[in-house]
Amino acid sequence: MHYIAHIVISAVLHALIYLAIWKALQFATLGQVLGILAVVLLVVIVSGLAWHFLTNRRGRP
């Protein structure tokens, strides 16, 4: 069941990120775009690691 919740949350987060990027691109300079992409990449990495650790703690160490 929590897989469904994860998929839904992930889809919503991605939609918000894409919307934010699209809006920002309309008014952003190249430096701002690169900064936004760096932040998004950081968020994706951190959330991916957090999800990995949270799901793996229950099963194997």
N, C-alpha and C. Protein backbone atom coordinates (compact mmCIF):
# COMPACT_ATOMS: atom_id res chain seq x y z
N MET A 1 0.83 -1.20 0.00
CA MET A 1 0.00 0.00 0.00
C MET A 1 0.86 1.26 0.00
N HIS A 2 1.99 1.20 0.74
CA HIS A 2 2.81 2.41 0.80
C HIS A 2 3.51 2.68 -0.53
N TYR A 3 3.56 1.66 -1.42
CA TYR A 3 4.11 1.90 -2.75
C TYR A 3 3.22 2.86 -3.53
N ILE A 4 1.90 2.68 -3.41
CA ILE A 4 0.95 3.55 -4.09
C ILE A 4 1.10 4.98 -3.58
N ALA A 5 1.19 5.12 -2.26
CA ALA A 5 1.37 6.45 -1.67
C ALA A 5 2.66 7.09 -2.17
N HIS A 6 3.72 6.29 -2.25
CA HIS A 6 5.00 6.82 -2.72
C HIS A 6 4.91 7.30 -4.16
N ILE A 7 4.23 6.52 -5.01
CA ILE A 7 4.07 6.89 -6.41
C ILE A 7 3.28 8.19 -6.54
N VAL A 8 2.19 8.30 -5.77
CA VAL A 8 1.36 9.50 -5.82
C VAL A 8 2.15 10.73 -5.35
N ILE A 9 2.82 10.60 -4.20
CA ILE A 9 3.61 11.71 -3.67
C ILE A 9 4.70 12.11 -4.65
N SER A 10 5.37 11.11 -5.22
CA SER A 10 6.44 11.36 -6.18
C SER A 10 5.91 12.10 -7.40
N ALA A 11 4.76 11.67 -7.90
CA ALA A 11 4.16 12.31 -9.08
C ALA A 11 3.81 13.77 -8.79
N VAL A 12 3.23 14.02 -7.62
CA VAL A 12 2.86 15.38 -7.24
C VAL A 12 4.11 16.26 -7.11
N LEU A 13 5.14 15.74 -6.45
CA LEU A 13 6.38 16.50 -6.28
C LEU A 13 7.01 16.81 -7.64
N HIS A 14 7.04 15.83 -8.54
CA HIS A 14 7.61 16.07 -9.85
C HIS A 14 6.81 17.10 -10.63
N ALA A 15 5.50 17.05 -10.54
CA ALA A 15 4.66 18.03 -11.22
C ALA A 15 4.95 19.44 -10.70
N LEU A 16 5.08 19.57 -9.37
CA LEU A 16 5.38 20.87 -8.78
C LEU A 16 6.75 21.37 -9.20
N ILE A 17 7.73 20.46 -9.23
CA ILE A 17 9.09 20.83 -9.64
C ILE A 17 9.09 21.30 -11.09
N TYR A 18 8.44 20.54 -11.98
CA TYR A 18 8.41 20.92 -13.39
C TYR A 18 7.68 22.24 -13.60
N LEU A 19 6.60 22.45 -12.87
CA LEU A 19 5.86 23.70 -12.97
C LEU A 19 6.73 24.87 -12.50
N ALA A 20 7.44 24.67 -11.39
CA ALA A 20 8.32 25.72 -10.86
C ALA A 20 9.43 26.04 -11.85
N ILE A 21 10.02 25.00 -12.45
CA ILE A 21 11.08 25.21 -13.44
C ILE A 21 10.54 25.94 -14.66
N TRP A 22 9.39 25.53 -15.15
CA TRP A 22 8.80 26.15 -16.33
C TRP A 22 8.50 27.62 -16.09
N LYS A 23 7.93 27.93 -14.90
CA LYS A 23 7.66 29.32 -14.55
C LYS A 23 8.96 30.10 -14.43
N ALA A 24 9.96 29.50 -13.77
CA ALA A 24 11.23 30.19 -13.56
C ALA A 24 11.94 30.45 -14.89
N LEU A 25 11.85 29.51 -15.81
CA LEU A 25 12.53 29.65 -17.10
C LEU A 25 12.00 30.85 -17.89
N GLN A 26 10.76 31.20 -17.66
CA GLN A 26 10.19 32.33 -18.39
C GLN A 26 10.82 33.65 -17.98
N PHE A 27 11.35 33.71 -16.75
CA PHE A 27 11.89 34.97 -16.24
C PHE A 27 13.35 34.87 -15.82
N ALA A 28 13.96 33.69 -16.04
CA ALA A 28 15.28 33.45 -15.46
C ALA A 28 16.41 33.70 -16.45
N THR A 29 17.58 34.05 -15.89
CA THR A 29 18.81 34.10 -16.67
C THR A 29 19.46 32.72 -16.60
N LEU A 30 20.53 32.53 -17.36
CA LEU A 30 21.20 31.23 -17.39
C LEU A 30 21.71 30.84 -16.01
N GLY A 31 22.28 31.80 -15.29
CA GLY A 31 22.80 31.53 -13.95
C GLY A 31 21.70 31.06 -13.01
N GLN A 32 20.53 31.69 -13.10
CA GLN A 32 19.41 31.29 -12.25
C GLN A 32 18.92 29.89 -12.61
N VAL A 33 18.88 29.58 -13.90
CA VAL A 33 18.46 28.25 -14.34
C VAL A 33 19.40 27.19 -13.79
N LEU A 34 20.71 27.45 -13.89
CA LEU A 34 21.70 26.48 -13.38
C LEU A 34 21.56 26.33 -11.87
N GLY A 35 21.29 27.42 -11.17
CA GLY A 35 21.09 27.36 -9.73
C GLY A 35 19.86 26.52 -9.38
N ILE A 36 18.77 26.73 -10.12
CA ILE A 36 17.54 25.97 -9.89
C ILE A 36 17.78 24.48 -10.15
N LEU A 37 18.47 24.17 -11.25
CA LEU A 37 18.74 22.77 -11.56
C LEU A 37 19.61 22.13 -10.49
N ALA A 38 20.59 22.88 -9.96
CA ALA A 38 21.45 22.36 -8.89
C ALA A 38 20.62 22.05 -7.65
N VAL A 39 19.70 22.95 -7.30
CA VAL A 39 18.84 22.74 -6.13
C VAL A 39 17.94 21.52 -6.34
N VAL A 40 17.34 21.41 -7.53
CA VAL A 40 16.46 20.27 -7.83
C VAL A 40 17.24 18.96 -7.74
N LEU A 41 18.46 18.96 -8.31
CA LEU A 41 19.29 17.76 -8.27
C LEU A 41 19.61 17.37 -6.84
N LEU A 42 19.94 18.38 -6.02
CA LEU A 42 20.24 18.13 -4.61
C LEU A 42 19.04 17.54 -3.89
N VAL A 43 17.85 18.11 -4.14
CA VAL A 43 16.62 17.62 -3.51
C VAL A 43 16.34 16.17 -3.92
N VAL A 44 16.52 15.88 -5.21
CA VAL A 44 16.27 14.52 -5.71
C VAL A 44 17.23 13.53 -5.06
N ILE A 45 18.52 13.91 -4.96
CA ILE A 45 19.52 13.02 -4.35
C ILE A 45 19.20 12.79 -2.88
N VAL A 46 18.92 13.87 -2.15
CA VAL A 46 18.64 13.75 -0.71
C VAL A 46 17.38 12.92 -0.46
N SER A 47 16.32 13.20 -1.22
CA SER A 47 15.07 12.45 -1.03
C SER A 47 15.25 10.99 -1.43
N GLY A 48 16.04 10.74 -2.47
CA GLY A 48 16.31 9.37 -2.89
C GLY A 48 17.07 8.60 -1.82
N LEU A 49 18.08 9.24 -1.23
CA LEU A 49 18.85 8.60 -0.16
C LEU A 49 17.98 8.36 1.06
N ALA A 50 17.16 9.35 1.41
CA ALA A 50 16.28 9.22 2.58
C ALA A 50 15.31 8.06 2.36
N TRP A 51 14.70 7.99 1.17
CA TRP A 51 13.77 6.91 0.86
C TRP A 51 14.49 5.56 0.92
N HIS A 52 15.71 5.51 0.39
CA HIS A 52 16.50 4.28 0.38
C HIS A 52 16.76 3.80 1.80
N PHE A 53 17.19 4.71 2.68
CA PHE A 53 17.49 4.33 4.05
C PHE A 53 16.23 3.96 4.82
N LEU A 54 15.14 4.69 4.60
CA LEU A 54 13.89 4.40 5.31
C LEU A 54 13.32 3.04 4.92
N THR A 55 13.40 2.70 3.65
CA THR A 55 12.82 1.43 3.20
C THR A 55 13.74 0.26 3.52
N ASN A 56 15.05 0.47 3.53
CA ASN A 56 15.98 -0.64 3.76
C ASN A 56 16.14 -0.98 5.23
N ARG A 57 15.82 -0.03 6.13
CA ARG A 57 16.00 -0.28 7.54
C ARG A 57 15.08 -1.40 8.02
N ARG A 58 13.89 -1.51 7.41
CA ARG A 58 12.91 -2.51 7.84
C ARG A 58 13.38 -3.92 7.45
N GLY A 59 13.97 -4.06 6.27
CA GLY A 59 14.38 -5.38 5.80
C GLY A 59 15.77 -5.74 6.28
N ARG A 60 16.71 -5.72 5.37
CA ARG A 60 18.08 -6.07 5.75
C ARG A 60 18.82 -4.82 6.23
N PRO A 61 19.89 -5.01 7.01
CA PRO A 61 20.61 -3.85 7.54
C PRO A 61 21.38 -3.08 6.47
